[in-house]
Structures are given as structure tokens and as C-alpha cells.
N, C-alpha and C. Protein backbone atom coordinates (compact mmCIF):
# COMPACT_ATOMS: atom_id res chain seq x y z
N MET A 1 -129.31 -114.13 177.20
CA MET A 1 -129.53 -113.93 178.60
C MET A 1 -129.88 -112.46 178.82
N THR A 2 -130.51 -112.18 179.95
CA THR A 2 -130.86 -110.81 180.32
C THR A 2 -130.34 -110.54 181.73
N THR A 3 -129.65 -109.42 181.89
CA THR A 3 -129.14 -109.06 183.22
C THR A 3 -130.24 -108.44 184.06
N ARG A 4 -129.97 -108.24 185.32
CA ARG A 4 -130.95 -107.60 186.21
C ARG A 4 -131.22 -106.16 185.81
N THR A 5 -130.29 -105.55 185.06
CA THR A 5 -130.50 -104.17 184.61
C THR A 5 -131.16 -104.11 183.23
N GLY A 6 -131.56 -105.26 182.70
CA GLY A 6 -132.29 -105.29 181.44
C GLY A 6 -131.44 -105.41 180.19
N GLU A 7 -130.12 -105.53 180.34
CA GLU A 7 -129.26 -105.72 179.17
C GLU A 7 -129.40 -107.16 178.68
N THR A 8 -129.47 -107.34 177.38
CA THR A 8 -129.57 -108.68 176.82
C THR A 8 -128.33 -108.99 175.99
N PHE A 9 -127.97 -110.28 175.96
CA PHE A 9 -126.82 -110.72 175.18
C PHE A 9 -126.94 -112.23 174.97
N PHE A 10 -126.16 -112.73 174.03
CA PHE A 10 -126.08 -114.15 173.78
C PHE A 10 -124.79 -114.68 174.38
N VAL A 11 -124.86 -115.86 174.99
CA VAL A 11 -123.65 -116.53 175.43
C VAL A 11 -122.92 -116.97 174.17
N GLY A 12 -121.64 -116.67 174.09
CA GLY A 12 -120.85 -117.01 172.92
C GLY A 12 -119.41 -116.57 173.13
N GLU A 13 -118.69 -116.42 172.06
CA GLU A 13 -117.26 -116.09 172.12
C GLU A 13 -117.00 -114.80 172.91
N ASN A 14 -117.85 -113.79 172.74
CA ASN A 14 -117.66 -112.52 173.45
C ASN A 14 -118.23 -112.53 174.86
N ASN A 15 -119.11 -113.47 175.15
CA ASN A 15 -119.73 -113.59 176.47
C ASN A 15 -119.71 -115.05 176.91
N PRO A 16 -118.51 -115.58 177.21
CA PRO A 16 -118.42 -117.00 177.56
C PRO A 16 -119.04 -117.32 178.92
N LEU A 17 -119.36 -118.58 179.07
CA LEU A 17 -119.97 -119.13 180.28
C LEU A 17 -118.97 -120.11 180.88
N TRP A 18 -118.79 -120.07 182.20
CA TRP A 18 -117.89 -121.02 182.84
C TRP A 18 -118.28 -121.22 184.29
N LEU A 19 -117.69 -122.26 184.88
CA LEU A 19 -117.88 -122.55 186.30
C LEU A 19 -116.58 -122.24 187.02
N LYS A 20 -116.70 -121.62 188.19
CA LYS A 20 -115.51 -121.29 188.97
C LYS A 20 -115.66 -121.89 190.36
N LYS A 21 -114.65 -122.65 190.78
CA LYS A 21 -114.64 -123.24 192.12
C LYS A 21 -114.14 -122.19 193.10
N ILE A 22 -114.94 -121.94 194.11
CA ILE A 22 -114.58 -121.02 195.18
C ILE A 22 -114.41 -121.85 196.44
N SER A 23 -113.30 -121.68 197.11
CA SER A 23 -112.95 -122.57 198.23
C SER A 23 -114.02 -122.63 199.33
N SER A 24 -114.74 -121.56 199.56
CA SER A 24 -115.74 -121.55 200.62
C SER A 24 -117.06 -122.19 200.20
N GLU A 25 -117.22 -122.52 198.93
CA GLU A 25 -118.46 -123.10 198.41
C GLU A 25 -118.27 -124.57 198.07
N VAL A 26 -119.32 -125.37 198.30
CA VAL A 26 -119.27 -126.79 197.96
C VAL A 26 -119.30 -126.97 196.44
N ASN A 27 -120.19 -126.24 195.78
CA ASN A 27 -120.36 -126.36 194.33
C ASN A 27 -119.74 -125.16 193.63
N PRO A 28 -119.29 -125.37 192.38
CA PRO A 28 -118.77 -124.23 191.62
C PRO A 28 -119.86 -123.21 191.31
N ILE A 29 -119.46 -121.99 191.08
CA ILE A 29 -120.37 -120.88 190.79
C ILE A 29 -120.44 -120.68 189.28
N PRO A 30 -121.65 -120.65 188.69
CA PRO A 30 -121.76 -120.39 187.24
C PRO A 30 -121.61 -118.89 186.96
N LEU A 31 -120.74 -118.57 186.01
CA LEU A 31 -120.46 -117.18 185.65
C LEU A 31 -120.56 -116.99 184.15
N VAL A 32 -120.77 -115.76 183.74
CA VAL A 32 -120.78 -115.38 182.33
C VAL A 32 -120.15 -114.00 182.22
N THR A 33 -119.42 -113.76 181.15
CA THR A 33 -118.81 -112.45 180.95
C THR A 33 -119.86 -111.48 180.43
N VAL A 34 -119.97 -110.32 181.09
CA VAL A 34 -120.90 -109.27 180.68
C VAL A 34 -120.14 -107.95 180.61
N ARG A 35 -120.68 -107.00 179.86
CA ARG A 35 -120.12 -105.66 179.77
C ARG A 35 -118.61 -105.66 179.51
N GLY A 36 -118.19 -106.42 178.55
CA GLY A 36 -116.77 -106.44 178.20
C GLY A 36 -116.01 -107.52 178.93
N ASN A 37 -115.57 -107.22 180.15
CA ASN A 37 -114.76 -108.19 180.90
C ASN A 37 -115.25 -108.42 182.32
N MET A 38 -116.47 -108.08 182.64
CA MET A 38 -116.98 -108.26 183.99
C MET A 38 -117.63 -109.64 184.11
N ALA A 39 -117.29 -110.35 185.20
CA ALA A 39 -117.90 -111.65 185.45
C ALA A 39 -119.22 -111.45 186.18
N GLY A 40 -120.28 -112.02 185.63
CA GLY A 40 -121.60 -111.93 186.26
C GLY A 40 -122.03 -113.30 186.75
N ILE A 41 -122.57 -113.36 187.94
CA ILE A 41 -123.06 -114.62 188.50
C ILE A 41 -124.42 -114.94 187.87
N ILE A 42 -124.56 -116.18 187.44
CA ILE A 42 -125.83 -116.64 186.88
C ILE A 42 -126.73 -117.06 188.04
N SER A 43 -127.95 -116.55 188.08
CA SER A 43 -128.87 -116.87 189.17
C SER A 43 -129.22 -118.36 189.15
N ARG A 44 -129.62 -118.86 190.30
CA ARG A 44 -129.97 -120.28 190.42
C ARG A 44 -131.08 -120.69 189.45
N PRO A 45 -132.19 -119.92 189.34
CA PRO A 45 -133.23 -120.32 188.38
C PRO A 45 -132.73 -120.38 186.93
N VAL A 46 -131.89 -119.45 186.55
CA VAL A 46 -131.34 -119.45 185.18
C VAL A 46 -130.41 -120.64 185.00
N TYR A 47 -129.60 -120.92 186.01
CA TYR A 47 -128.70 -122.07 185.94
C TYR A 47 -129.50 -123.37 185.80
N TYR A 48 -130.61 -123.48 186.54
CA TYR A 48 -131.46 -124.67 186.40
C TYR A 48 -132.05 -124.77 185.00
N ASP A 49 -132.41 -123.64 184.41
CA ASP A 49 -132.87 -123.66 183.01
C ASP A 49 -131.78 -124.19 182.09
N LEU A 50 -130.55 -123.71 182.27
CA LEU A 50 -129.43 -124.17 181.45
C LEU A 50 -129.25 -125.68 181.59
N ILE A 51 -129.35 -126.17 182.82
CA ILE A 51 -129.22 -127.62 183.04
C ILE A 51 -130.30 -128.38 182.29
N SER A 52 -131.52 -127.86 182.30
CA SER A 52 -132.62 -128.56 181.61
C SER A 52 -132.43 -128.56 180.09
N TRP A 53 -131.70 -127.58 179.55
CA TRP A 53 -131.46 -127.51 178.11
C TRP A 53 -130.18 -128.24 177.69
N ALA A 54 -129.36 -128.63 178.65
CA ALA A 54 -128.06 -129.22 178.34
C ALA A 54 -128.19 -130.63 177.79
N ARG A 55 -127.15 -131.03 177.09
CA ARG A 55 -127.04 -132.42 176.65
C ARG A 55 -125.96 -133.08 177.51
N THR A 56 -126.04 -134.37 177.64
CA THR A 56 -125.07 -135.11 178.43
C THR A 56 -124.03 -135.72 177.51
N ALA A 57 -122.76 -135.38 177.75
CA ALA A 57 -121.64 -135.93 176.98
C ALA A 57 -121.34 -137.35 177.50
N PRO A 58 -120.59 -138.15 176.73
CA PRO A 58 -120.27 -139.52 177.16
C PRO A 58 -119.58 -139.60 178.53
N ASP A 59 -118.87 -138.55 178.93
CA ASP A 59 -118.20 -138.55 180.24
C ASP A 59 -119.08 -138.00 181.36
N ASN A 60 -120.41 -137.89 181.10
CA ASN A 60 -121.41 -137.38 182.04
C ASN A 60 -121.26 -135.89 182.35
N THR A 61 -120.62 -135.15 181.47
CA THR A 61 -120.53 -133.70 181.58
C THR A 61 -121.77 -133.11 180.91
N LEU A 62 -122.35 -132.08 181.53
CA LEU A 62 -123.49 -131.38 180.94
C LEU A 62 -122.95 -130.27 180.04
N ILE A 63 -123.41 -130.25 178.81
CA ILE A 63 -122.92 -129.31 177.80
C ILE A 63 -124.07 -128.46 177.29
N VAL A 64 -123.87 -127.14 177.28
CA VAL A 64 -124.80 -126.21 176.67
C VAL A 64 -124.09 -125.61 175.47
N GLU A 65 -124.79 -125.51 174.34
CA GLU A 65 -124.20 -124.92 173.14
C GLU A 65 -124.91 -123.62 172.80
N SER A 66 -124.11 -122.64 172.39
CA SER A 66 -124.65 -121.34 172.00
C SER A 66 -123.72 -120.69 170.99
N LEU A 67 -124.27 -120.24 169.88
CA LEU A 67 -123.51 -119.56 168.83
C LEU A 67 -122.27 -120.35 168.41
N GLY A 68 -122.43 -121.66 168.30
CA GLY A 68 -121.35 -122.52 167.83
C GLY A 68 -120.30 -122.86 168.88
N GLN A 69 -120.50 -122.43 170.11
CA GLN A 69 -119.57 -122.72 171.19
C GLN A 69 -120.22 -123.71 172.15
N ALA A 70 -119.42 -124.58 172.76
CA ALA A 70 -119.91 -125.54 173.73
C ALA A 70 -119.34 -125.18 175.11
N TYR A 71 -120.20 -125.25 176.13
CA TYR A 71 -119.81 -124.86 177.48
C TYR A 71 -120.19 -125.97 178.46
N SER A 72 -119.24 -126.38 179.27
CA SER A 72 -119.49 -127.36 180.31
C SER A 72 -120.11 -126.64 181.50
N ILE A 73 -121.26 -127.15 181.95
CA ILE A 73 -121.93 -126.49 183.09
C ILE A 73 -122.06 -127.44 184.28
N GLY A 74 -121.24 -128.47 184.31
CA GLY A 74 -121.26 -129.39 185.43
C GLY A 74 -121.18 -130.82 184.97
N SER A 75 -121.21 -131.72 185.92
CA SER A 75 -121.17 -133.16 185.62
C SER A 75 -121.85 -133.90 186.77
N PHE A 76 -122.12 -135.17 186.49
CA PHE A 76 -122.72 -136.01 187.53
C PHE A 76 -122.17 -137.40 187.43
């Protein structure tokens, strides 16, 4: 991934990806750890790319894999 400031990194053990439910939002917010321990919001276009690359698990969870790690990015 590439941040708005031009930093690049791979999603993996040091930069995990997760969804966080925020009470004021209908849908969870996609986040990734950047710069050590800072949570960065994944933009909508990037999130849509992740969805298009995801595989569907038997429980209808969307899974993205990176560097040997699997990340749930939603379900339907």
C-alpha cells in the first residue's frame, strides 16, 4: 500500500489490516497500521480494490491474504 505522503508498505504482521465498528457509522471503517502504531484509514477506492481481490470464505466472509496473513475485510 502507499500512503498519501508517499510511504509504501506491505500489509502483514507489522502492518495489519482490520475493520473497526464506530457507533456513528453504519459500516465498519477499514484501517491499517502505519508508522509503527498509528491507525490509518483506508480510502474507499483502495478498499474497493481489496474487495475485488478478496476470496470468499465458506461463511461468506471476504478474506484478503498478504505475506502469509489472512485478513477479514467484511462479509455479506
